[in-house]
Amino acid sequence: MSKRLTKDDLVKIPNVPTEELLIEEWDKTILIQGISKKVQVDLGRLINKDNADAFDYQRELLKACVIEPEIDDELIDILYKKDSKVVDKIFLAINKLNGVGGSASAEEFQN
């Protein structure tokens, strides 16, 4: 029989899964992580803001999920000048890690 979850258990449980993603085209890896419920809620709220679009959502998703190297707006701008197939590969890996299929669109994380 399973033991009841305690507060101490909850504190010690890892927050989200992580994965080393090989970007074969560059012969480099990045470390990505899944999203927590808090991040999912924050991203959902972004969708409802005036003038926010799917690209704003994708930028915030990258900031939340790419943890090594740490991504900021400047690095995203540099990344977006690279091969779109590579960038899409990163989004697909993030979605897979989060249990979502397809491309990284805002609608996929809305409840």
C-alpha atoms as a PDB file:
ATOM      1  CA  MET A   1       0.000   0.000   0.000  1.00  0.00           C
ATOM      2  CA  SER A   2       1.260   3.477  -0.854  1.00  0.00           C
ATOM      3  CA  LYS A   3       2.246   5.909   1.829  1.00  0.00           C
ATOM      4  CA  ARG A   4       0.345   9.198   2.089  1.00  0.00           C
ATOM      5  CA  LEU A   5       2.187  12.225   0.707  1.00  0.00           C
ATOM      6  CA  THR A   6       3.522  14.549   3.398  1.00  0.00           C
ATOM      7  CA  LYS A   7       4.600  18.172   3.258  1.00  0.00           C
ATOM      8  CA  ASP A   8       8.215  17.042   3.671  1.00  0.00           C
ATOM      9  CA  ASP A   9       7.801  14.633   0.727  1.00  0.00           C
ATOM     10  CA  LEU A  10       6.358  17.404  -1.422  1.00  0.00           C
ATOM     11  CA  VAL A  11       9.266  19.720  -0.660  1.00  0.00           C
ATOM     12  CA  LYS A  12      11.814  17.031  -1.590  1.00  0.00           C
ATOM     13  CA  ILE A  13      10.166  15.877  -4.829  1.00  0.00           C
ATOM     14  CA  PRO A  14      11.927  17.287  -7.926  1.00  0.00           C
ATOM     15  CA  ASN A  15       9.991  20.207  -9.404  1.00  0.00           C
ATOM     16  CA  VAL A  16      10.110  19.360 -13.109  1.00  0.00           C
ATOM     17  CA  PRO A  17      11.948  16.908 -15.365  1.00  0.00           C
ATOM     18  CA  THR A  18      15.113  17.992 -17.143  1.00  0.00           C
ATOM     19  CA  GLU A  19      16.726  16.705 -20.321  1.00  0.00           C
ATOM     20  CA  GLU A  20      20.022  17.223 -22.111  1.00  0.00           C
ATOM     21  CA  LEU A  21      19.101  18.024 -25.717  1.00  0.00           C
ATOM     22  CA  LEU A  22      21.671  17.318 -28.400  1.00  0.00           C
ATOM     23  CA  ILE A  23      21.574  19.796 -31.256  1.00  0.00           C
ATOM     24  CA  GLU A  24      23.334  17.641 -33.827  1.00  0.00           C
ATOM     25  CA  GLU A  25      23.557  20.441 -36.390  1.00  0.00           C
ATOM     26  CA  TRP A  26      25.790  22.401 -33.988  1.00  0.00           C
ATOM     27  CA  ASP A  27      27.375  19.436 -32.156  1.00  0.00           C
ATOM     28  CA  LYS A  28      26.300  21.072 -28.881  1.00  0.00           C
ATOM     29  CA  THR A  29      23.823  20.334 -26.121  1.00  0.00           C
ATOM     30  CA  ILE A  30      21.487  22.487 -24.089  1.00  0.00           C
ATOM     31  CA  LEU A  31      19.702  21.641 -20.861  1.00  0.00           C
ATOM     32  CA  ILE A  32      15.937  22.011 -20.972  1.00  0.00           C
ATOM     33  CA  GLN A  33      13.342  21.561 -18.268  1.00  0.00           C
ATOM     34  CA  GLY A  34       9.641  20.966 -18.118  1.00  0.00           C
ATOM     35  CA  ILE A  35       7.260  23.611 -16.902  1.00  0.00           C
ATOM     36  CA  SER A  36       5.728  23.792 -13.482  1.00  0.00           C
ATOM     37  CA  LYS A  37       2.056  24.517 -12.938  1.00  0.00           C
ATOM     38  CA  LYS A  38       3.019  28.081 -11.924  1.00  0.00           C
ATOM     39  CA  VAL A  39       4.818  28.642 -15.232  1.00  0.00           C
ATOM     40  CA  GLN A  40       1.885  27.102 -17.115  1.00  0.00           C
ATOM     41  CA  VAL A  41      -0.483  29.555 -15.401  1.00  0.00           C
ATOM     42  CA  ASP A  42       1.847  32.513 -16.085  1.00  0.00           C
ATOM     43  CA  LEU A  43       2.121  31.551 -19.768  1.00  0.00           C
ATOM     44  CA  GLY A  44      -1.655  31.175 -19.963  1.00  0.00           C
ATOM     45  CA  ARG A  45      -2.086  34.672 -18.542  1.00  0.00           C
ATOM     46  CA  LEU A  46       0.332  36.054 -21.125  1.00  0.00           C
ATOM     47  CA  ILE A  47      -1.980  34.848 -23.868  1.00  0.00           C
ATOM     48  CA  ASN A  48      -4.777  37.045 -22.540  1.00  0.00           C
ATOM     49  CA  LYS A  49      -2.720  40.247 -22.447  1.00  0.00           C
ATOM     50  CA  ASP A  50      -3.371  42.904 -25.063  1.00  0.00           C
ATOM     51  CA  ASN A  51      -0.972  42.745 -28.010  1.00  0.00           C
ATOM     52  CA  ALA A  52       0.498  39.400 -26.893  1.00  0.00           C
ATOM     53  CA  ASP A  53       0.816  36.772 -29.595  1.00  0.00           C
ATOM     54  CA  ALA A  54       2.212  33.282 -30.107  1.00  0.00           C
ATOM     55  CA  PHE A  55       5.710  34.658 -30.614  1.00  0.00           C
ATOM     56  CA  ASP A  56       5.622  36.385 -27.214  1.00  0.00           C
ATOM     57  CA  TYR A  57       4.479  33.071 -25.766  1.00  0.00           C
ATOM     58  CA  GLN A  58       7.319  31.177 -27.466  1.00  0.00           C
ATOM     59  CA  ARG A  59       9.915  33.626 -26.169  1.00  0.00           C
ATOM     60  CA  GLU A  60       8.674  33.194 -22.598  1.00  0.00           C
ATOM     61  CA  LEU A  61       8.567  29.418 -23.050  1.00  0.00           C
ATOM     62  CA  LEU A  62      12.234  29.441 -24.094  1.00  0.00           C
ATOM     63  CA  LYS A  63      13.160  31.569 -21.082  1.00  0.00           C
ATOM     64  CA  ALA A  64      11.325  29.186 -18.759  1.00  0.00           C
ATOM     65  CA  CYS A  65      12.529  25.919 -20.269  1.00  0.00           C
ATOM     66  CA  VAL A  66      16.096  26.431 -21.528  1.00  0.00           C
ATOM     67  CA  ILE A  67      18.158  26.483 -18.355  1.00  0.00           C
ATOM     68  CA  GLU A  68      21.695  25.994 -19.715  1.00  0.00           C
ATOM     69  CA  PRO A  69      22.591  28.309 -21.242  1.00  0.00           C
ATOM     70  CA  GLU A  70      20.267  30.699 -19.465  1.00  0.00           C
ATOM     71  CA  ILE A  71      18.215  32.382 -22.178  1.00  0.00           C
ATOM     72  CA  ASP A  72      17.254  36.057 -22.187  1.00  0.00           C
ATOM     73  CA  ASP A  73      15.759  38.328 -24.843  1.00  0.00           C
ATOM     74  CA  GLU A  74      19.170  39.121 -26.340  1.00  0.00           C
ATOM     75  CA  LEU A  75      20.066  35.435 -26.774  1.00  0.00           C
ATOM     76  CA  ILE A  76      16.613  34.683 -28.171  1.00  0.00           C
ATOM     77  CA  ASP A  77      17.153  37.381 -30.803  1.00  0.00           C
ATOM     78  CA  ILE A  78      20.466  35.719 -31.722  1.00  0.00           C
ATOM     79  CA  LEU A  79      18.872  32.251 -31.717  1.00  0.00           C
ATOM     80  CA  TYR A  80      16.037  33.434 -33.967  1.00  0.00           C
ATOM     81  CA  LYS A  81      18.613  34.445 -36.606  1.00  0.00           C
ATOM     82  CA  LYS A  82      19.731  30.793 -36.819  1.00  0.00           C
ATOM     83  CA  ASP A  83      18.241  27.909 -38.804  1.00  0.00           C
ATOM     84  CA  SER A  84      14.514  27.703 -38.077  1.00  0.00           C
ATOM     85  CA  LYS A  85      14.658  23.879 -38.166  1.00  0.00           C
ATOM     86  CA  VAL A  86      17.031  23.946 -35.188  1.00  0.00           C
ATOM     87  CA  VAL A  87      14.872  26.390 -33.257  1.00  0.00           C
ATOM     88  CA  ASP A  88      11.786  24.290 -34.002  1.00  0.00           C
ATOM     89  CA  LYS A  89      13.685  21.210 -32.797  1.00  0.00           C
ATOM     90  CA  ILE A  90      14.165  22.942 -29.427  1.00  0.00           C
ATOM     91  CA  PHE A  91      10.437  23.725 -29.191  1.00  0.00           C
ATOM     92  CA  LEU A  92       9.531  20.137 -30.115  1.00  0.00           C
ATOM     93  CA  ALA A  93      11.819  18.783 -27.393  1.00  0.00           C
ATOM     94  CA  ILE A  94      10.306  21.182 -24.847  1.00  0.00           C
ATOM     95  CA  ASN A  95       6.808  20.099 -25.862  1.00  0.00           C
ATOM     96  CA  LYS A  96       7.744  16.418 -25.652  1.00  0.00           C
ATOM     97  CA  LEU A  97       9.232  16.922 -22.196  1.00  0.00           C
ATOM     98  CA  ASN A  98       5.988  18.608 -21.149  1.00  0.00           C
ATOM     99  CA  GLY A  99       3.813  15.883 -22.660  1.00  0.00           C
ATOM    100  CA  VAL A 100       2.479  18.108 -25.445  1.00  0.00           C
ATOM    101  CA  GLY A 101       2.516  17.107 -29.123  1.00  0.00           C
ATOM    102  CA  GLY A 102       3.096  19.295 -32.147  1.00  0.00           C
ATOM    103  CA  SER A 103       4.545  22.796 -32.263  1.00  0.00           C
ATOM    104  CA  ALA A 104       4.883  25.257 -29.406  1.00  0.00           C
ATOM    105  CA  SER A 105       1.700  27.237 -29.658  1.00  0.00           C
ATOM    106  CA  ALA A 106      -0.022  29.129 -26.890  1.00  0.00           C
ATOM    107  CA  GLU A 107      -3.281  27.195 -27.295  1.00  0.00           C
ATOM    108  CA  GLU A 108      -1.612  23.931 -26.301  1.00  0.00           C
ATOM    109  CA  PHE A 109      -1.042  25.107 -22.748  1.00  0.00           C
ATOM    110  CA  GLN A 110      -4.427  26.743 -22.190  1.00  0.00           C
ATOM    111  CA  ASN A 111      -6.933  24.940 -20.020  1.00  0.00           C
END
